Amino acid sequence: MCKHILNAQVSIRATCCKKWFDCPQCHAENANHPLRKTEEMAFLCKKCKKAFRKDMKDYEDEDEYCPHCDNHYVVEAKTPVAALGVEGDDARMDSRLFKDERVKTQAPSAFAQSDLDAKLE
Protein backbone atom coordinates (compact mmCIF):
# COMPACT_ATOMS: atom_id res chain seq x y z
CA MET A 1 0.00 0.00 0.00
CA CYS A 2 1.44 3.30 -1.10
CA LYS A 3 1.48 6.15 1.38
CA HIS A 4 2.25 8.75 -1.31
CA ILE A 5 -0.56 8.04 -3.78
CA LEU A 6 -3.75 6.87 -2.09
CA ASN A 7 -5.56 5.70 -5.21
CA ALA A 8 -2.76 3.86 -7.04
CA GLN A 9 -4.36 1.46 -9.52
CA VAL A 10 -1.19 -0.36 -10.67
CA SER A 11 2.23 -1.32 -9.37
CA ILE A 12 5.25 -0.63 -11.54
CA ARG A 13 8.20 -3.01 -11.88
CA ALA A 14 11.53 -1.24 -11.48
CA THR A 15 13.93 -2.46 -14.17
CA CYS A 16 16.97 -1.72 -12.02
CA CYS A 17 16.14 -4.10 -9.15
CA LYS A 18 13.23 -6.18 -10.60
CA LYS A 19 10.92 -5.29 -7.68
CA TRP A 20 7.37 -3.94 -7.71
CA PHE A 21 6.61 -0.45 -6.36
CA ASP A 22 3.47 1.69 -6.32
CA CYS A 23 5.27 4.96 -7.08
CA PRO A 24 8.78 6.34 -7.64
CA GLN A 25 8.85 7.73 -4.08
CA CYS A 26 8.33 4.21 -2.68
CA HIS A 27 11.30 3.02 -4.75
CA ALA A 28 13.46 5.90 -3.48
CA GLU A 29 12.58 5.05 0.15
CA ASN A 30 13.19 1.30 -0.14
CA ALA A 31 16.11 1.04 -2.57
CA ASN A 32 19.68 2.32 -2.26
CA HIS A 33 20.01 3.21 -5.95
CA PRO A 34 18.25 5.60 -8.35
CA LEU A 35 15.31 4.44 -10.44
CA ARG A 36 16.44 3.53 -13.95
CA LYS A 37 14.29 4.92 -16.79
CA THR A 38 13.14 2.62 -19.56
CA GLU A 39 11.05 2.71 -22.75
CA GLU A 40 9.02 -0.41 -21.91
CA MET A 41 7.32 -0.59 -18.53
CA ALA A 42 5.77 -3.56 -16.74
CA PHE A 43 2.60 -2.93 -14.75
CA LEU A 44 0.62 -5.05 -12.30
CA CYS A 45 -3.09 -4.22 -12.15
CA LYS A 46 -4.36 -4.09 -8.57
CA LYS A 47 -7.92 -4.91 -9.64
CA CYS A 48 -7.37 -8.17 -11.57
CA LYS A 49 -3.83 -8.93 -10.25
CA LYS A 50 -2.46 -9.51 -13.77
CA ALA A 51 0.76 -8.11 -15.23
CA PHE A 52 1.08 -6.36 -18.59
CA ARG A 53 3.67 -4.36 -20.52
CA LYS A 54 3.34 -0.98 -22.22
CA ASP A 55 5.73 0.60 -24.71
CA MET A 56 6.08 4.22 -23.64
CA LYS A 57 7.27 5.36 -27.09
CA ASP A 58 3.82 4.86 -28.67
CA TYR A 59 1.62 5.42 -25.61
CA GLU A 60 -1.91 6.48 -26.59
CA ASP A 61 -5.18 7.30 -24.82
CA GLU A 62 -6.47 3.72 -25.05
CA ASP A 63 -3.31 2.54 -23.24
CA GLU A 64 -4.66 4.06 -20.02
CA TYR A 65 -6.72 0.92 -19.38
CA CYS A 66 -5.71 -2.55 -18.20
CA PRO A 67 -5.84 -4.94 -21.19
CA HIS A 68 -7.27 -7.73 -18.99
CA CYS A 69 -10.03 -6.08 -16.94
CA ASP A 70 -10.39 -2.63 -18.54
CA ASN A 71 -9.53 -0.87 -15.25
CA HIS A 72 -8.66 2.80 -15.86
CA TYR A 73 -5.28 3.05 -14.15
CA VAL A 74 -4.23 6.53 -15.26
CA VAL A 75 -6.25 8.64 -12.82
CA GLU A 76 -5.53 11.87 -10.99
CA ALA A 77 -3.44 10.99 -7.95
CA LYS A 78 -4.91 11.56 -4.52
CA THR A 79 -2.17 12.43 -2.08
CA PRO A 80 -2.57 12.58 1.69
CA VAL A 81 -3.09 16.07 3.08
CA ALA A 82 -2.24 16.98 6.65
CA ALA A 83 -5.16 18.68 8.31
CA LEU A 84 -5.78 19.97 11.76
CA GLY A 85 -9.29 20.04 13.04
CA VAL A 86 -11.87 18.63 15.36
CA GLU A 87 -13.48 15.39 14.34
CA GLY A 88 -17.22 15.47 14.24
CA ASP A 89 -19.79 18.07 13.46
CA ASP A 90 -20.77 21.11 15.43
CA ALA A 91 -21.81 19.93 18.90
CA ARG A 92 -24.53 22.56 19.02
CA MET A 93 -26.20 20.92 16.03
CA ASP A 94 -25.44 17.28 16.83
CA SER A 95 -25.06 16.42 20.49
CA ARG A 96 -24.43 12.68 19.97
CA LEU A 97 -20.72 13.30 20.63
CA PHE A 98 -21.36 13.83 24.33
CA LYS A 99 -22.40 11.20 26.84
CA ASP A 100 -25.69 11.86 28.53
CA GLU A 101 -24.95 11.49 32.24
CA ARG A 102 -28.46 12.26 33.46
CA VAL A 103 -30.22 9.56 35.44
CA LYS A 104 -33.16 8.20 33.53
CA THR A 105 -36.31 7.53 35.49
CA GLN A 106 -38.32 4.51 34.54
CA ALA A 107 -41.37 5.45 32.56
CA PRO A 108 -44.67 4.46 34.12
CA SER A 109 -45.91 1.12 32.84
CA ALA A 110 -49.43 0.16 31.88
CA PHE A 111 -48.93 -2.99 33.91
CA ALA A 112 -48.12 -2.66 37.59
CA GLN A 113 -45.69 -5.27 38.98
CA SER A 114 -48.26 -6.46 41.56
CA ASP A 115 -50.83 -7.09 38.78
CA LEU A 116 -48.33 -9.16 36.80
CA ASP A 117 -47.40 -11.26 39.84
CA ALA A 118 -51.07 -12.00 40.51
CA LYS A 119 -51.70 -13.07 36.90
CA LEU A 120 -48.68 -15.43 36.85
CA GLU A 121 -49.89 -17.40 39.88
C-alpha atoms as a PDB file:
ATOM      1  CA  MET A   1       0.000   0.000   0.000  1.00  0.00           C
ATOM      2  CA  CYS A   2       1.440   3.302  -1.103  1.00  0.00           C
ATOM      3  CA  LYS A   3       1.476   6.151   1.384  1.00  0.00           C
ATOM      4  CA  HIS A   4       2.248   8.745  -1.306  1.00  0.00           C
ATOM      5  CA  ILE A   5      -0.565   8.037  -3.776  1.00  0.00           C
ATOM      6  CA  LEU A   6      -3.752   6.870  -2.087  1.00  0.00           C
ATOM      7  CA  ASN A   7      -5.562   5.696  -5.212  1.00  0.00           C
ATOM      8  CA  ALA A   8      -2.755   3.863  -7.039  1.00  0.00           C
ATOM      9  CA  GLN A   9      -4.363   1.458  -9.524  1.00  0.00           C
ATOM     10  CA  VAL A  10      -1.194  -0.362 -10.667  1.00  0.00           C
ATOM     11  CA  SER A  11       2.229  -1.320  -9.371  1.00  0.00           C
ATOM     12  CA  ILE A  12       5.247  -0.629 -11.543  1.00  0.00           C
ATOM     13  CA  ARG A  13       8.199  -3.008 -11.879  1.00  0.00           C
ATOM     14  CA  ALA A  14      11.530  -1.235 -11.481  1.00  0.00           C
ATOM     15  CA  THR A  15      13.930  -2.459 -14.174  1.00  0.00           C
ATOM     16  CA  CYS A  16      16.969  -1.722 -12.017  1.00  0.00           C
ATOM     17  CA  CYS A  17      16.139  -4.099  -9.146  1.00  0.00           C
ATOM     18  CA  LYS A  18      13.234  -6.175 -10.601  1.00  0.00           C
ATOM     19  CA  LYS A  19      10.921  -5.294  -7.684  1.00  0.00           C
ATOM     20  CA  TRP A  20       7.369  -3.935  -7.707  1.00  0.00           C
ATOM     21  CA  PHE A  21       6.609  -0.448  -6.359  1.00  0.00           C
ATOM     22  CA  ASP A  22       3.467   1.692  -6.316  1.00  0.00           C
ATOM     23  CA  CYS A  23       5.267   4.957  -7.083  1.00  0.00           C
ATOM     24  CA  PRO A  24       8.778   6.343  -7.635  1.00  0.00           C
ATOM     25  CA  GLN A  25       8.854   7.733  -4.081  1.00  0.00           C
ATOM     26  CA  CYS A  26       8.327   4.214  -2.684  1.00  0.00           C
ATOM     27  CA  HIS A  27      11.305   3.021  -4.749  1.00  0.00           C
ATOM     28  CA  ALA A  28      13.456   5.902  -3.481  1.00  0.00           C
ATOM     29  CA  GLU A  29      12.580   5.054   0.146  1.00  0.00           C
ATOM     30  CA  ASN A  30      13.191   1.299  -0.140  1.00  0.00           C
ATOM     31  CA  ALA A  31      16.110   1.045  -2.570  1.00  0.00           C
ATOM     32  CA  ASN A  32      19.676   2.324  -2.258  1.00  0.00           C
ATOM     33  CA  HIS A  33      20.008   3.207  -5.952  1.00  0.00           C
ATOM     34  CA  PRO A  34      18.253   5.605  -8.349  1.00  0.00           C
ATOM     35  CA  LEU A  35      15.306   4.444 -10.443  1.00  0.00           C
ATOM     36  CA  ARG A  36      16.438   3.533 -13.954  1.00  0.00           C
ATOM     37  CA  LYS A  37      14.286   4.915 -16.786  1.00  0.00           C
ATOM     38  CA  THR A  38      13.141   2.618 -19.556  1.00  0.00           C
ATOM     39  CA  GLU A  39      11.054   2.705 -22.754  1.00  0.00           C
ATOM     40  CA  GLU A  40       9.021  -0.411 -21.914  1.00  0.00           C
ATOM     41  CA  MET A  41       7.320  -0.595 -18.530  1.00  0.00           C
ATOM     42  CA  ALA A  42       5.773  -3.560 -16.741  1.00  0.00           C
ATOM     43  CA  PHE A  43       2.595  -2.928 -14.747  1.00  0.00           C
ATOM     44  CA  LEU A  44       0.618  -5.052 -12.303  1.00  0.00           C
ATOM     45  CA  CYS A  45      -3.087  -4.219 -12.148  1.00  0.00           C
ATOM     46  CA  LYS A  46      -4.365  -4.089  -8.567  1.00  0.00           C
ATOM     47  CA  LYS A  47      -7.924  -4.913  -9.641  1.00  0.00           C
ATOM     48  CA  CYS A  48      -7.371  -8.171 -11.571  1.00  0.00           C
ATOM     49  CA  LYS A  49      -3.835  -8.930 -10.247  1.00  0.00           C
ATOM     50  CA  LYS A  50      -2.463  -9.511 -13.771  1.00  0.00           C
ATOM     51  CA  ALA A  51       0.757  -8.107 -15.229  1.00  0.00           C
ATOM     52  CA  PHE A  52       1.080  -6.361 -18.585  1.00  0.00           C
ATOM     53  CA  ARG A  53       3.668  -4.362 -20.522  1.00  0.00           C
ATOM     54  CA  LYS A  54       3.344  -0.981 -22.219  1.00  0.00           C
ATOM     55  CA  ASP A  55       5.726   0.598 -24.709  1.00  0.00           C
ATOM     56  CA  MET A  56       6.077   4.215 -23.639  1.00  0.00           C
ATOM     57  CA  LYS A  57       7.266   5.360 -27.088  1.00  0.00           C
ATOM     58  CA  ASP A  58       3.822   4.862 -28.674  1.00  0.00           C
ATOM     59  CA  TYR A  59       1.624   5.424 -25.612  1.00  0.00           C
ATOM     60  CA  GLU A  60      -1.907   6.483 -26.589  1.00  0.00           C
ATOM     61  CA  ASP A  61      -5.176   7.301 -24.821  1.00  0.00           C
ATOM     62  CA  GLU A  62      -6.474   3.721 -25.046  1.00  0.00           C
ATOM     63  CA  ASP A  63      -3.314   2.542 -23.245  1.00  0.00           C
ATOM     64  CA  GLU A  64      -4.657   4.064 -20.016  1.00  0.00           C
ATOM     65  CA  TYR A  65      -6.717   0.916 -19.379  1.00  0.00           C
ATOM     66  CA  CYS A  66      -5.708  -2.552 -18.197  1.00  0.00           C
ATOM     67  CA  PRO A  67      -5.843  -4.936 -21.188  1.00  0.00           C
ATOM     68  CA  HIS A  68      -7.270  -7.730 -18.987  1.00  0.00           C
ATOM     69  CA  CYS A  69     -10.034  -6.083 -16.941  1.00  0.00           C
ATOM     70  CA  ASP A  70     -10.389  -2.629 -18.543  1.00  0.00           C
ATOM     71  CA  ASN A  71      -9.534  -0.868 -15.246  1.00  0.00           C
ATOM     72  CA  HIS A  72      -8.658   2.798 -15.861  1.00  0.00           C
ATOM     73  CA  TYR A  73      -5.284   3.052 -14.146  1.00  0.00           C
ATOM     74  CA  VAL A  74      -4.230   6.533 -15.256  1.00  0.00           C
ATOM     75  CA  VAL A  75      -6.245   8.639 -12.823  1.00  0.00           C
ATOM     76  CA  GLU A  76      -5.530  11.870 -10.989  1.00  0.00           C
ATOM     77  CA  ALA A  77      -3.443  10.991  -7.953  1.00  0.00           C
ATOM     78  CA  LYS A  78      -4.912  11.564  -4.515  1.00  0.00           C
ATOM     79  CA  THR A  79      -2.167  12.432  -2.083  1.00  0.00           C
ATOM     80  CA  PRO A  80      -2.574  12.581   1.693  1.00  0.00           C
ATOM     81  CA  VAL A  81      -3.085  16.067   3.083  1.00  0.00           C
ATOM     82  CA  ALA A  82      -2.237  16.982   6.650  1.00  0.00           C
ATOM     83  CA  ALA A  83      -5.160  18.675   8.310  1.00  0.00           C
ATOM     84  CA  LEU A  84      -5.775  19.972  11.761  1.00  0.00           C
ATOM     85  CA  GLY A  85      -9.286  20.036  13.039  1.00  0.00           C
ATOM     86  CA  VAL A  86     -11.867  18.632  15.362  1.00  0.00           C
ATOM     87  CA  GLU A  87     -13.482  15.391  14.340  1.00  0.00           C
ATOM     88  CA  GLY A  88     -17.220  15.468  14.236  1.00  0.00           C
ATOM     89  CA  ASP A  89     -19.795  18.069  13.463  1.00  0.00           C
ATOM     90  CA  ASP A  90     -20.774  21.115  15.430  1.00  0.00           C
ATOM     91  CA  ALA A  91     -21.805  19.931  18.899  1.00  0.00           C
ATOM     92  CA  ARG A  92     -24.533  22.564  19.024  1.00  0.00           C
ATOM     93  CA  MET A  93     -26.197  20.924  16.032  1.00  0.00           C
ATOM     94  CA  ASP A  94     -25.441  17.278  16.834  1.00  0.00           C
ATOM     95  CA  SER A  95     -25.058  16.424  20.492  1.00  0.00           C
ATOM     96  CA  ARG A  96     -24.427  12.683  19.973  1.00  0.00           C
ATOM     97  CA  LEU A  97     -20.721  13.301  20.630  1.00  0.00           C
ATOM     98  CA  PHE A  98     -21.357  13.826  24.330  1.00  0.00           C
ATOM     99  CA  LYS A  99     -22.398  11.195  26.836  1.00  0.00           C
ATOM    100  CA  ASP A 100     -25.692  11.863  28.526  1.00  0.00           C
ATOM    101  CA  GLU A 101     -24.955  11.486  32.241  1.00  0.00           C
ATOM    102  CA  ARG A 102     -28.465  12.264  33.458  1.00  0.00           C
ATOM    103  CA  VAL A 103     -30.225   9.560  35.436  1.00  0.00           C
ATOM    104  CA  LYS A 104     -33.159   8.200  33.532  1.00  0.00           C
ATOM    105  CA  THR A 105     -36.313   7.530  35.487  1.00  0.00           C
ATOM    106  CA  GLN A 106     -38.318   4.514  34.538  1.00  0.00           C
ATOM    107  CA  ALA A 107     -41.369   5.450  32.561  1.00  0.00           C
ATOM    108  CA  PRO A 108     -44.675   4.457  34.122  1.00  0.00           C
ATOM    109  CA  SER A 109     -45.912   1.117  32.836  1.00  0.00           C
ATOM    110  CA  ALA A 110     -49.428   0.161  31.878  1.00  0.00           C
ATOM    111  CA  PHE A 111     -48.926  -2.990  33.914  1.00  0.00           C
ATOM    112  CA  ALA A 112     -48.116  -2.661  37.590  1.00  0.00           C
ATOM    113  CA  GLN A 113     -45.694  -5.273  38.983  1.00  0.00           C
ATOM    114  CA  SER A 114     -48.263  -6.459  41.563  1.00  0.00           C
ATOM    115  CA  ASP A 115     -50.830  -7.090  38.780  1.00  0.00           C
ATOM    116  CA  LEU A 116     -48.329  -9.160  36.801  1.00  0.00           C
ATOM    117  CA  ASP A 117     -47.395 -11.262  39.837  1.00  0.00           C
ATOM    118  CA  ALA A 118     -51.067 -11.999  40.506  1.00  0.00           C
ATOM    119  CA  LYS A 119     -51.696 -13.068  36.901  1.00  0.00           C
ATOM    120  CA  LEU A 120     -48.678 -15.428  36.845  1.00  0.00           C
ATOM    121  CA  GLU A 121     -49.887 -17.398  39.879  1.00  0.00           C
END
